Amino acid sequence: EVDRIYVPDGQPVVFDLQVEAEILGCELMWEDFSPPSVISHPLEEEAKVPCLCRLPKKEDGRIPIVLRVMKRLKEAVGDRTALYGLFCGPLTLASHLRGSMVFMDMMDDPDYVKDLLGFCTECSKVMVDYYYEAGMDVIAPVDPLVSQISPDHFSEFLSKPYTDIMDYIHGYGVFSSFFVCGNATLN
């Protein structure tokens, strides 16, 4: 319907930054007319990094629904509209898992944050794989919390993860973009 009414050059298929978090153990609060919100943080009490064996699989959570919709939309409008596969960026995912403690950890335990972001980066790559296979033309992380950290913290904690993620996306030969809410100009 969006394609028919607006005839956009491109459109996201789904904009839900909680898909991965739910699979990794976050509880969600559901609303009638908006995406769900994370209400629990499984790593809040103990600074741990999940096992790579916990990375989302195609059959987990709502991923099967998302992939079916992507494939259907690709068939319906993919010849004239660029479709965006959006996934939760590593800092936002880390905050879903750890809660606001992730910001304190940046000061008190930077090695832990780097390890947690390493896990979240691997999670991003898994989602890239799935979205590429579903035919997405543009694959993009959405990381609203990037606007909440300093340029120094971006350099220290996110330069490597985002270089890895973007290189991974481009390795498939598709386009990427980077969505950040707020003013992240300095980052």
N, C-alpha and C. Protein backbone atom coordinates (compact mmCIF):
# COMPACT_ATOMS: atom_id res chain seq x y z
N GLU A 1 0.83 -1.19 0.00
CA GLU A 1 0.00 0.00 0.00
C GLU A 1 0.88 1.26 0.00
N VAL A 2 1.97 1.23 0.77
CA VAL A 2 2.90 2.37 0.77
C VAL A 2 3.43 2.61 -0.63
N ASP A 3 3.79 1.55 -1.31
CA ASP A 3 4.33 1.67 -2.66
C ASP A 3 3.29 2.27 -3.61
N ARG A 4 2.05 1.84 -3.50
CA ARG A 4 0.99 2.33 -4.37
C ARG A 4 0.71 3.81 -4.13
N ILE A 5 0.64 4.20 -2.86
CA ILE A 5 0.26 5.59 -2.53
C ILE A 5 1.40 6.56 -2.79
N TYR A 6 2.61 6.22 -2.36
CA TYR A 6 3.71 7.18 -2.38
C TYR A 6 4.69 6.98 -3.53
N VAL A 7 4.71 5.81 -4.14
CA VAL A 7 5.66 5.47 -5.19
C VAL A 7 7.08 5.88 -4.76
N PRO A 8 7.54 5.35 -3.63
CA PRO A 8 8.86 5.76 -3.12
C PRO A 8 10.00 5.14 -3.91
N ASP A 9 11.15 5.80 -3.86
CA ASP A 9 12.36 5.22 -4.44
C ASP A 9 12.84 4.05 -3.58
N GLY A 10 12.58 4.13 -2.28
CA GLY A 10 12.98 3.08 -1.37
C GLY A 10 12.12 3.09 -0.12
N GLN A 11 12.05 1.93 0.53
CA GLN A 11 11.26 1.86 1.76
C GLN A 11 11.76 0.72 2.63
N PRO A 12 11.76 0.94 3.95
CA PRO A 12 12.10 -0.15 4.86
C PRO A 12 10.97 -1.17 4.89
N VAL A 13 11.32 -2.41 5.05
CA VAL A 13 10.31 -3.46 5.15
C VAL A 13 9.78 -3.54 6.57
N VAL A 14 10.67 -3.45 7.55
CA VAL A 14 10.26 -3.47 8.95
C VAL A 14 11.19 -2.54 9.72
N PHE A 15 10.64 -1.84 10.69
CA PHE A 15 11.46 -0.95 11.53
C PHE A 15 11.16 -1.31 12.97
N ASP A 16 11.87 -2.32 13.46
CA ASP A 16 11.63 -2.84 14.80
C ASP A 16 12.98 -3.22 15.38
N LEU A 17 13.48 -2.43 16.30
CA LEU A 17 14.81 -2.65 16.88
C LEU A 17 14.80 -3.63 18.04
N GLN A 18 13.71 -4.34 18.19
CA GLN A 18 13.61 -5.28 19.30
C GLN A 18 13.61 -6.74 18.85
N VAL A 19 13.68 -7.00 17.56
CA VAL A 19 13.63 -8.38 17.05
C VAL A 19 14.76 -9.21 17.64
N GLU A 20 15.98 -8.71 17.54
CA GLU A 20 17.14 -9.44 18.04
C GLU A 20 17.13 -9.51 19.57
N ALA A 21 16.77 -8.40 20.20
CA ALA A 21 16.76 -8.34 21.67
C ALA A 21 15.81 -9.36 22.26
N GLU A 22 14.64 -9.52 21.67
CA GLU A 22 13.67 -10.49 22.17
C GLU A 22 14.24 -11.90 22.10
N ILE A 23 14.89 -12.23 21.01
CA ILE A 23 15.49 -13.55 20.85
C ILE A 23 16.57 -13.79 21.90
N LEU A 24 17.28 -12.73 22.26
CA LEU A 24 18.39 -12.84 23.22
C LEU A 24 17.94 -12.72 24.67
N GLY A 25 16.65 -12.72 24.92
CA GLY A 25 16.16 -12.80 26.29
C GLY A 25 15.54 -11.55 26.88
N CYS A 26 15.44 -10.48 26.12
CA CYS A 26 14.78 -9.27 26.64
C CYS A 26 13.27 -9.46 26.59
N GLU A 27 12.60 -9.03 27.65
CA GLU A 27 11.15 -9.04 27.65
C GLU A 27 10.67 -7.75 26.98
N LEU A 28 9.53 -7.87 26.28
CA LEU A 28 9.00 -6.72 25.54
C LEU A 28 7.66 -6.30 26.09
N MET A 29 7.38 -5.01 25.96
CA MET A 29 6.05 -4.48 26.23
C MET A 29 5.44 -4.14 24.87
N TRP A 30 4.26 -4.67 24.62
CA TRP A 30 3.60 -4.50 23.33
C TRP A 30 2.55 -3.40 23.40
N GLU A 31 2.51 -2.61 22.35
CA GLU A 31 1.52 -1.54 22.21
C GLU A 31 0.66 -1.83 20.99
N ASP A 32 -0.51 -1.21 20.93
CA ASP A 32 -1.40 -1.45 19.79
C ASP A 32 -0.91 -0.83 18.49
N PHE A 33 -0.32 0.36 18.55
CA PHE A 33 0.01 1.06 17.32
C PHE A 33 1.46 1.51 17.23
N SER A 34 2.36 0.77 17.82
CA SER A 34 3.78 1.09 17.73
C SER A 34 4.59 -0.17 17.95
N PRO A 35 5.86 -0.13 17.59
CA PRO A 35 6.70 -1.31 17.85
C PRO A 35 6.80 -1.57 19.35
N PRO A 36 7.17 -2.80 19.71
CA PRO A 36 7.33 -3.11 21.13
C PRO A 36 8.53 -2.39 21.73
N SER A 37 8.57 -2.32 23.05
CA SER A 37 9.69 -1.71 23.78
C SER A 37 10.31 -2.76 24.69
N VAL A 38 11.62 -2.68 24.84
CA VAL A 38 12.33 -3.57 25.74
C VAL A 38 12.07 -3.12 27.18
N ILE A 39 11.66 -4.06 28.05
CA ILE A 39 11.40 -3.71 29.45
C ILE A 39 12.26 -4.50 30.42
N SER A 40 13.07 -5.43 29.94
CA SER A 40 13.99 -6.12 30.84
C SER A 40 15.33 -6.33 30.13
N HIS A 41 16.37 -6.37 30.90
CA HIS A 41 17.73 -6.44 30.38
C HIS A 41 18.44 -7.63 31.01
N PRO A 42 18.60 -8.74 30.28
CA PRO A 42 19.12 -9.96 30.89
C PRO A 42 20.53 -9.86 31.44
N LEU A 43 21.31 -8.87 31.01
CA LEU A 43 22.68 -8.73 31.51
C LEU A 43 22.83 -7.58 32.52
N GLU A 44 21.71 -7.05 32.97
CA GLU A 44 21.74 -5.88 33.86
C GLU A 44 22.46 -6.15 35.17
N GLU A 45 22.29 -7.31 35.73
CA GLU A 45 22.87 -7.63 37.04
C GLU A 45 24.28 -8.18 36.97
N GLU A 46 24.65 -8.75 35.83
CA GLU A 46 25.96 -9.38 35.72
C GLU A 46 26.55 -9.09 34.34
N ALA A 47 27.75 -8.51 34.34
CA ALA A 47 28.42 -8.14 33.10
C ALA A 47 28.98 -9.39 32.42
N LYS A 48 28.14 -9.99 31.59
CA LYS A 48 28.53 -11.19 30.86
C LYS A 48 28.37 -10.92 29.37
N VAL A 49 29.03 -11.75 28.56
CA VAL A 49 28.86 -11.69 27.11
C VAL A 49 28.19 -13.00 26.71
N PRO A 50 27.09 -12.92 25.97
CA PRO A 50 26.43 -14.16 25.56
C PRO A 50 27.33 -15.01 24.68
N CYS A 51 27.09 -16.30 24.74
CA CYS A 51 27.79 -17.26 23.89
C CYS A 51 27.39 -17.02 22.43
N LEU A 52 28.33 -17.18 21.52
CA LEU A 52 28.00 -17.04 20.10
C LEU A 52 26.94 -18.06 19.67
N CYS A 53 26.78 -19.11 20.44
CA CYS A 53 25.74 -20.10 20.15
C CYS A 53 24.34 -19.51 20.29
N ARG A 54 24.24 -18.33 20.91
CA ARG A 54 22.94 -17.66 21.11
C ARG A 54 22.58 -16.72 19.97
N LEU A 55 23.47 -16.58 18.98
CA LEU A 55 23.16 -15.69 17.86
C LEU A 55 21.84 -16.12 17.21
N PRO A 56 21.04 -15.14 16.78
CA PRO A 56 19.73 -15.47 16.20
C PRO A 56 19.84 -16.39 14.98
N LYS A 57 18.94 -17.34 14.95
CA LYS A 57 18.83 -18.25 13.81
C LYS A 57 17.58 -17.87 13.02
N LYS A 58 17.51 -18.29 11.78
CA LYS A 58 16.38 -17.94 10.92
C LYS A 58 15.04 -18.34 11.50
N GLU A 59 15.04 -19.37 12.34
CA GLU A 59 13.79 -19.88 12.90
C GLU A 59 13.41 -19.20 14.20
N ASP A 60 14.25 -18.33 14.72
CA ASP A 60 14.03 -17.75 16.05
C ASP A 60 13.10 -16.55 16.03
N GLY A 61 12.33 -16.44 17.09
CA GLY A 61 11.52 -15.25 17.32
C GLY A 61 10.66 -14.88 16.13
N ARG A 62 10.69 -13.60 15.80
CA ARG A 62 9.89 -13.08 14.69
C ARG A 62 10.65 -13.03 13.38
N ILE A 63 11.88 -13.55 13.36
CA ILE A 63 12.67 -13.52 12.12
C ILE A 63 11.95 -14.22 10.97
N PRO A 64 11.32 -15.38 11.15
CA PRO A 64 10.64 -16.00 10.01
C PRO A 64 9.57 -15.11 9.39
N ILE A 65 8.84 -14.38 10.22
CA ILE A 65 7.81 -13.47 9.71
C ILE A 65 8.46 -12.36 8.90
N VAL A 66 9.52 -11.77 9.45
CA VAL A 66 10.22 -10.67 8.76
C VAL A 66 10.74 -11.15 7.41
N LEU A 67 11.35 -12.31 7.37
CA LEU A 67 11.91 -12.82 6.12
C LEU A 67 10.83 -13.12 5.09
N ARG A 68 9.70 -13.66 5.54
CA ARG A 68 8.58 -13.91 4.61
C ARG A 68 8.07 -12.61 4.01
N VAL A 69 7.92 -11.59 4.85
CA VAL A 69 7.43 -10.31 4.36
C VAL A 69 8.44 -9.69 3.39
N MET A 70 9.72 -9.78 3.71
CA MET A 70 10.74 -9.25 2.80
C MET A 70 10.65 -9.91 1.42
N LYS A 71 10.53 -11.23 1.41
CA LYS A 71 10.46 -11.94 0.14
C LYS A 71 9.19 -11.58 -0.63
N ARG A 72 8.07 -11.48 0.07
CA ARG A 72 6.81 -11.11 -0.59
C ARG A 72 6.88 -9.70 -1.16
N LEU A 73 7.44 -8.77 -0.39
CA LEU A 73 7.54 -7.39 -0.86
C LEU A 73 8.52 -7.28 -2.02
N LYS A 74 9.59 -8.05 -1.98
CA LYS A 74 10.56 -8.06 -3.08
C LYS A 74 9.88 -8.50 -4.37
N GLU A 75 9.05 -9.54 -4.27
CA GLU A 75 8.32 -10.02 -5.45
C GLU A 75 7.31 -8.98 -5.95
N ALA A 76 6.66 -8.30 -5.03
CA ALA A 76 5.59 -7.37 -5.39
C ALA A 76 6.09 -6.05 -5.94
N VAL A 77 7.14 -5.46 -5.32
CA VAL A 77 7.56 -4.11 -5.73
C VAL A 77 9.07 -3.98 -5.93
N GLY A 78 9.81 -5.06 -5.73
CA GLY A 78 11.27 -5.00 -5.75
C GLY A 78 11.87 -4.62 -7.08
N ASP A 79 11.11 -4.67 -8.15
CA ASP A 79 11.65 -4.28 -9.45
C ASP A 79 11.64 -2.77 -9.65
N ARG A 80 10.95 -2.03 -8.76
CA ARG A 80 10.86 -0.57 -8.93
C ARG A 80 11.14 0.21 -7.65
N THR A 81 11.25 -0.48 -6.52
CA THR A 81 11.46 0.19 -5.24
C THR A 81 12.60 -0.51 -4.50
N ALA A 82 13.59 0.27 -4.08
CA ALA A 82 14.68 -0.31 -3.28
C ALA A 82 14.15 -0.65 -1.89
N LEU A 83 14.38 -1.87 -1.47
CA LEU A 83 13.88 -2.31 -0.17
C LEU A 83 15.02 -2.32 0.84
N TYR A 84 14.73 -1.76 2.02
CA TYR A 84 15.71 -1.65 3.09
C TYR A 84 15.48 -2.75 4.13
N GLY A 85 16.55 -3.47 4.43
CA GLY A 85 16.54 -4.41 5.53
C GLY A 85 17.24 -3.76 6.71
N LEU A 86 16.49 -3.39 7.72
CA LEU A 86 17.03 -2.67 8.88
C LEU A 86 17.19 -3.62 10.06
N PHE A 87 18.33 -3.51 10.73
CA PHE A 87 18.56 -4.34 11.92
C PHE A 87 19.07 -3.45 13.05
N CYS A 88 18.99 -3.98 14.27
CA CYS A 88 19.39 -3.24 15.45
C CYS A 88 20.92 -3.13 15.50
N GLY A 89 21.43 -1.90 15.56
CA GLY A 89 22.87 -1.68 15.63
C GLY A 89 23.46 -2.15 16.95
N PRO A 90 24.78 -2.34 16.97
CA PRO A 90 25.42 -2.96 18.13
C PRO A 90 25.30 -2.20 19.45
N LEU A 91 25.36 -0.88 19.44
CA LEU A 91 25.26 -0.16 20.72
C LEU A 91 23.85 -0.25 21.28
N THR A 92 22.87 -0.08 20.43
CA THR A 92 21.48 -0.19 20.89
C THR A 92 21.20 -1.61 21.37
N LEU A 93 21.68 -2.61 20.66
CA LEU A 93 21.48 -3.99 21.10
C LEU A 93 22.19 -4.23 22.44
N ALA A 94 23.39 -3.71 22.59
CA ALA A 94 24.11 -3.85 23.86
C ALA A 94 23.31 -3.21 25.00
N SER A 95 22.69 -2.07 24.72
CA SER A 95 21.89 -1.42 25.77
C SER A 95 20.62 -2.20 26.07
N HIS A 96 20.04 -2.84 25.05
CA HIS A 96 18.89 -3.71 25.32
C HIS A 96 19.30 -4.83 26.27
N LEU A 97 20.47 -5.40 26.04
CA LEU A 97 20.92 -6.53 26.84
C LEU A 97 21.40 -6.11 28.23
N ARG A 98 22.13 -5.02 28.32
CA ARG A 98 22.78 -4.60 29.57
C ARG A 98 22.01 -3.51 30.30
N GLY A 99 21.14 -2.81 29.60
CA GLY A 99 20.44 -1.68 30.20
C GLY A 99 21.36 -0.46 30.20
N SER A 100 20.99 0.54 30.98
CA SER A 100 21.77 1.78 31.01
C SER A 100 23.15 1.59 31.61
N MET A 101 23.39 0.43 32.23
CA MET A 101 24.73 0.15 32.78
C MET A 101 25.80 0.17 31.70
N VAL A 102 25.40 -0.05 30.45
CA VAL A 102 26.40 -0.07 29.38
C VAL A 102 27.14 1.26 29.30
N PHE A 103 26.47 2.35 29.66
CA PHE A 103 27.14 3.65 29.64
C PHE A 103 28.15 3.78 30.77
N MET A 104 27.82 3.27 31.94
CA MET A 104 28.78 3.26 33.05
C MET A 104 29.95 2.34 32.73
N ASP A 105 29.63 1.21 32.08
CA ASP A 105 30.67 0.27 31.71
C ASP A 105 31.70 0.89 30.77
N MET A 106 31.27 1.84 29.97
CA MET A 106 32.23 2.51 29.06
C MET A 106 33.33 3.20 29.85
N MET A 107 33.00 3.66 31.03
CA MET A 107 33.98 4.32 31.88
C MET A 107 34.70 3.31 32.79
N ASP A 108 33.93 2.39 33.36
CA ASP A 108 34.46 1.49 34.40
C ASP A 108 35.06 0.19 33.86
N ASP A 109 34.57 -0.28 32.73
CA ASP A 109 35.02 -1.58 32.22
C ASP A 109 34.99 -1.58 30.69
N PRO A 110 35.83 -0.77 30.07
CA PRO A 110 35.80 -0.66 28.61
C PRO A 110 36.06 -1.97 27.87
N ASP A 111 36.86 -2.85 28.45
CA ASP A 111 37.12 -4.13 27.79
C ASP A 111 35.84 -4.97 27.70
N TYR A 112 35.04 -4.93 28.76
CA TYR A 112 33.76 -5.64 28.73
C TYR A 112 32.87 -5.08 27.62
N VAL A 113 32.78 -3.76 27.53
CA VAL A 113 31.94 -3.15 26.51
C VAL A 113 32.41 -3.57 25.12
N LYS A 114 33.71 -3.58 24.90
CA LYS A 114 34.23 -4.00 23.60
C LYS A 114 33.87 -5.46 23.32
N ASP A 115 33.95 -6.31 24.33
CA ASP A 115 33.57 -7.71 24.15
C ASP A 115 32.08 -7.85 23.85
N LEU A 116 31.25 -7.11 24.59
CA LEU A 116 29.80 -7.16 24.36
C LEU A 116 29.47 -6.63 22.96
N LEU A 117 30.11 -5.53 22.58
CA LEU A 117 29.88 -5.00 21.23
C LEU A 117 30.39 -5.97 20.16
N GLY A 118 31.42 -6.74 20.47
CA GLY A 118 31.88 -7.77 19.55
C GLY A 118 30.79 -8.81 19.30
N PHE A 119 30.13 -9.24 20.37
CA PHE A 119 29.01 -10.17 20.23
C PHE A 119 27.90 -9.53 19.40
N CYS A 120 27.57 -8.28 19.72
CA CYS A 120 26.49 -7.58 19.01
C CYS A 120 26.84 -7.37 17.53
N THR A 121 28.11 -7.19 17.23
CA THR A 121 28.56 -7.07 15.84
C THR A 121 28.33 -8.39 15.11
N GLU A 122 28.63 -9.49 15.77
CA GLU A 122 28.38 -10.80 15.15
C GLU A 122 26.89 -11.01 14.92
N CYS A 123 26.08 -10.53 15.85
CA CYS A 123 24.63 -10.59 15.69
C CYS A 123 24.21 -9.78 14.45
N SER A 124 24.81 -8.62 14.28
CA SER A 124 24.53 -7.79 13.11
C SER A 124 24.84 -8.54 11.82
N LYS A 125 25.96 -9.21 11.79
CA LYS A 125 26.37 -9.94 10.58
C LYS A 125 25.40 -11.07 10.25
N VAL A 126 24.88 -11.73 11.27
CA VAL A 126 23.89 -12.78 11.04
C VAL A 126 22.65 -12.18 10.39
N MET A 127 22.20 -11.03 10.89
CA MET A 127 21.02 -10.38 10.31
C MET A 127 21.30 -9.93 8.88
N VAL A 128 22.51 -9.45 8.62
CA VAL A 128 22.90 -9.08 7.25
C VAL A 128 22.75 -10.29 6.33
N ASP A 129 23.25 -11.44 6.77
CA ASP A 129 23.13 -12.66 5.97
C ASP A 129 21.67 -12.94 5.61
N TYR A 130 20.80 -12.91 6.61
CA TYR A 130 19.40 -13.23 6.39
C TYR A 130 18.74 -12.22 5.45
N TYR A 131 19.04 -10.94 5.64
CA TYR A 131 18.39 -9.91 4.83
C TYR A 131 18.92 -9.92 3.40
N TYR A 132 20.18 -10.24 3.23
CA TYR A 132 20.71 -10.38 1.88
C TYR A 132 20.01 -11.54 1.16
N GLU A 133 19.91 -12.67 1.85
CA GLU A 133 19.25 -13.84 1.25
C GLU A 133 17.79 -13.55 0.91
N ALA A 134 17.15 -12.66 1.66
CA ALA A 134 15.75 -12.29 1.41
C ALA A 134 15.62 -11.26 0.29
N GLY A 135 16.76 -10.79 -0.25
CA GLY A 135 16.71 -9.91 -1.41
C GLY A 135 16.72 -8.43 -1.13
N MET A 136 17.12 -8.01 0.06
CA MET A 136 17.12 -6.58 0.37
C MET A 136 18.18 -5.85 -0.46
N ASP A 137 17.80 -4.67 -0.96
CA ASP A 137 18.69 -3.87 -1.80
C ASP A 137 19.64 -3.02 -0.98
N VAL A 138 19.18 -2.57 0.17
CA VAL A 138 19.97 -1.76 1.08
C VAL A 138 19.86 -2.42 2.46
N ILE A 139 20.99 -2.69 3.07
CA ILE A 139 20.99 -3.32 4.39
C ILE A 139 21.65 -2.34 5.35
N ALA A 140 20.95 -2.05 6.45
CA ALA A 140 21.39 -0.93 7.27
C ALA A 140 21.18 -1.15 8.76
N PRO A 141 22.21 -0.84 9.55
CA PRO A 141 22.02 -0.81 10.99
C PRO A 141 21.27 0.44 11.41
N VAL A 142 20.47 0.29 12.44
CA VAL A 142 19.78 1.43 13.06
C VAL A 142 20.26 1.46 14.50
N ASP A 143 20.92 2.55 14.87
CA ASP A 143 21.56 2.61 16.18
C ASP A 143 21.32 3.97 16.82
N PRO A 144 20.11 4.21 17.34
CA PRO A 144 19.78 5.53 17.87
C PRO A 144 20.68 5.97 19.02
N LEU A 145 21.27 5.05 19.75
CA LEU A 145 22.08 5.45 20.90
C LEU A 145 23.42 6.07 20.50
N VAL A 146 23.78 5.98 19.23
CA VAL A 146 25.02 6.62 18.79
C VAL A 146 25.00 8.12 19.06
N SER A 147 23.82 8.72 19.01
CA SER A 147 23.74 10.17 19.27
C SER A 147 23.89 10.49 20.76
N GLN A 148 23.95 9.46 21.60
CA GLN A 148 24.04 9.67 23.05
C GLN A 148 25.47 9.52 23.59
N ILE A 149 26.43 9.26 22.73
CA ILE A 149 27.81 9.09 23.18
C ILE A 149 28.70 10.13 22.52
N SER A 150 29.86 10.32 23.09
CA SER A 150 30.81 11.32 22.59
C SER A 150 31.55 10.79 21.36
N PRO A 151 32.13 11.70 20.58
CA PRO A 151 32.97 11.26 19.47
C PRO A 151 34.13 10.38 19.93
N ASP A 152 34.70 10.68 21.10
CA ASP A 152 35.78 9.84 21.62
C ASP A 152 35.29 8.42 21.91
N HIS A 153 34.10 8.31 22.49
CA HIS A 153 33.55 6.99 22.76
C HIS A 153 33.18 6.27 21.47
N PHE A 154 32.70 7.03 20.48
CA PHE A 154 32.42 6.40 19.19
C PHE A 154 33.71 5.81 18.62
N SER A 155 34.77 6.60 18.64
CA SER A 155 36.05 6.11 18.11
C SER A 155 36.54 4.89 18.88
N GLU A 156 36.45 4.95 20.20
CA GLU A 156 36.96 3.86 21.02
C GLU A 156 36.14 2.58 20.90
N PHE A 157 34.82 2.72 20.87
CA PHE A 157 33.96 1.54 20.97
C PHE A 157 33.29 1.12 19.67
N LEU A 158 33.04 2.04 18.76
CA LEU A 158 32.20 1.69 17.61
C LEU A 158 32.88 1.80 16.25
N SER A 159 34.04 2.42 16.18
CA SER A 159 34.70 2.51 14.87
C SER A 159 34.97 1.13 14.28
N LYS A 160 35.55 0.25 15.07
CA LYS A 160 35.85 -1.09 14.58
C LYS A 160 34.58 -1.88 14.27
N PRO A 161 33.61 -1.93 15.20
CA PRO A 161 32.39 -2.68 14.86
C PRO A 161 31.71 -2.18 13.59
N TYR A 162 31.63 -0.86 13.43
CA TYR A 162 30.94 -0.36 12.24
C TYR A 162 31.76 -0.54 10.97
N THR A 163 33.06 -0.48 11.08
CA THR A 163 33.89 -0.79 9.91
C THR A 163 33.67 -2.25 9.51
N ASP A 164 33.66 -3.15 10.49
CA ASP A 164 33.42 -4.57 10.22
C ASP A 164 32.03 -4.80 9.60
N ILE A 165 31.02 -4.17 10.16
CA ILE A 165 29.65 -4.36 9.67
C ILE A 165 29.53 -3.84 8.25
N MET A 166 30.01 -2.63 8.00
CA MET A 166 29.87 -2.07 6.65
C MET A 166 30.68 -2.85 5.63
N ASP A 167 31.88 -3.27 5.99
CA ASP A 167 32.67 -4.12 5.09
C ASP A 167 31.92 -5.42 4.80
N TYR A 168 31.28 -5.97 5.80
CA TYR A 168 30.54 -7.22 5.64
C TYR A 168 29.37 -7.02 4.67
N ILE A 169 28.62 -5.95 4.86
CA ILE A 169 27.50 -5.64 3.96
C ILE A 169 28.02 -5.46 2.53
N HIS A 170 29.05 -4.66 2.37
CA HIS A 170 29.57 -4.38 1.03
C HIS A 170 30.16 -5.62 0.38
N GLY A 171 30.58 -6.58 1.20
CA GLY A 171 31.09 -7.84 0.66
C GLY A 171 30.03 -8.58 -0.14
N TYR A 172 28.78 -8.33 0.14
CA TYR A 172 27.68 -8.92 -0.62
C TYR A 172 27.38 -8.13 -1.90
N GLY A 173 27.99 -6.96 -2.03
CA GLY A 173 27.74 -6.15 -3.22
C GLY A 173 26.44 -5.38 -3.18
N VAL A 174 25.89 -5.17 -1.98
CA VAL A 174 24.67 -4.38 -1.86
C VAL A 174 25.00 -3.06 -1.17
N PHE A 175 24.06 -2.15 -1.22
CA PHE A 175 24.24 -0.86 -0.60
C PHE A 175 24.00 -0.95 0.90
N SER A 176 24.55 0.03 1.60
CA SER A 176 24.31 0.16 3.03
C SER A 176 23.95 1.60 3.33
N SER A 177 23.42 1.79 4.51
CA SER A 177 23.25 3.13 5.07
C SER A 177 23.35 2.96 6.57
N PHE A 178 23.24 4.05 7.29
CA PHE A 178 23.44 4.02 8.73
C PHE A 178 22.42 4.98 9.32
N PHE A 179 21.46 4.47 10.06
CA PHE A 179 20.40 5.28 10.65
C PHE A 179 20.76 5.57 12.11
N VAL A 180 20.78 6.86 12.46
CA VAL A 180 20.98 7.26 13.84
C VAL A 180 19.95 8.34 14.15
N CYS A 181 19.24 8.20 15.25
CA CYS A 181 18.28 9.22 15.67
C CYS A 181 19.03 10.31 16.44
N GLY A 182 18.59 11.53 16.31
CA GLY A 182 19.24 12.63 17.01
C GLY A 182 20.41 13.18 16.21
N ASN A 183 21.12 14.10 16.80
CA ASN A 183 22.24 14.76 16.13
C ASN A 183 23.51 13.99 16.42
N ALA A 184 23.97 13.22 15.46
CA ALA A 184 25.19 12.45 15.60
C ALA A 184 26.26 12.96 14.65
N THR A 185 26.14 14.21 14.25
CA THR A 185 27.06 14.79 13.27
C THR A 185 28.52 14.60 13.67
N LEU A 186 28.86 14.84 14.92
CA LEU A 186 30.25 14.72 15.34
C LEU A 186 30.73 13.27 15.30
N ASN A 187 29.82 12.33 15.48
CA ASN A 187 30.21 10.93 15.44
C ASN A 187 30.27 10.42 14.01
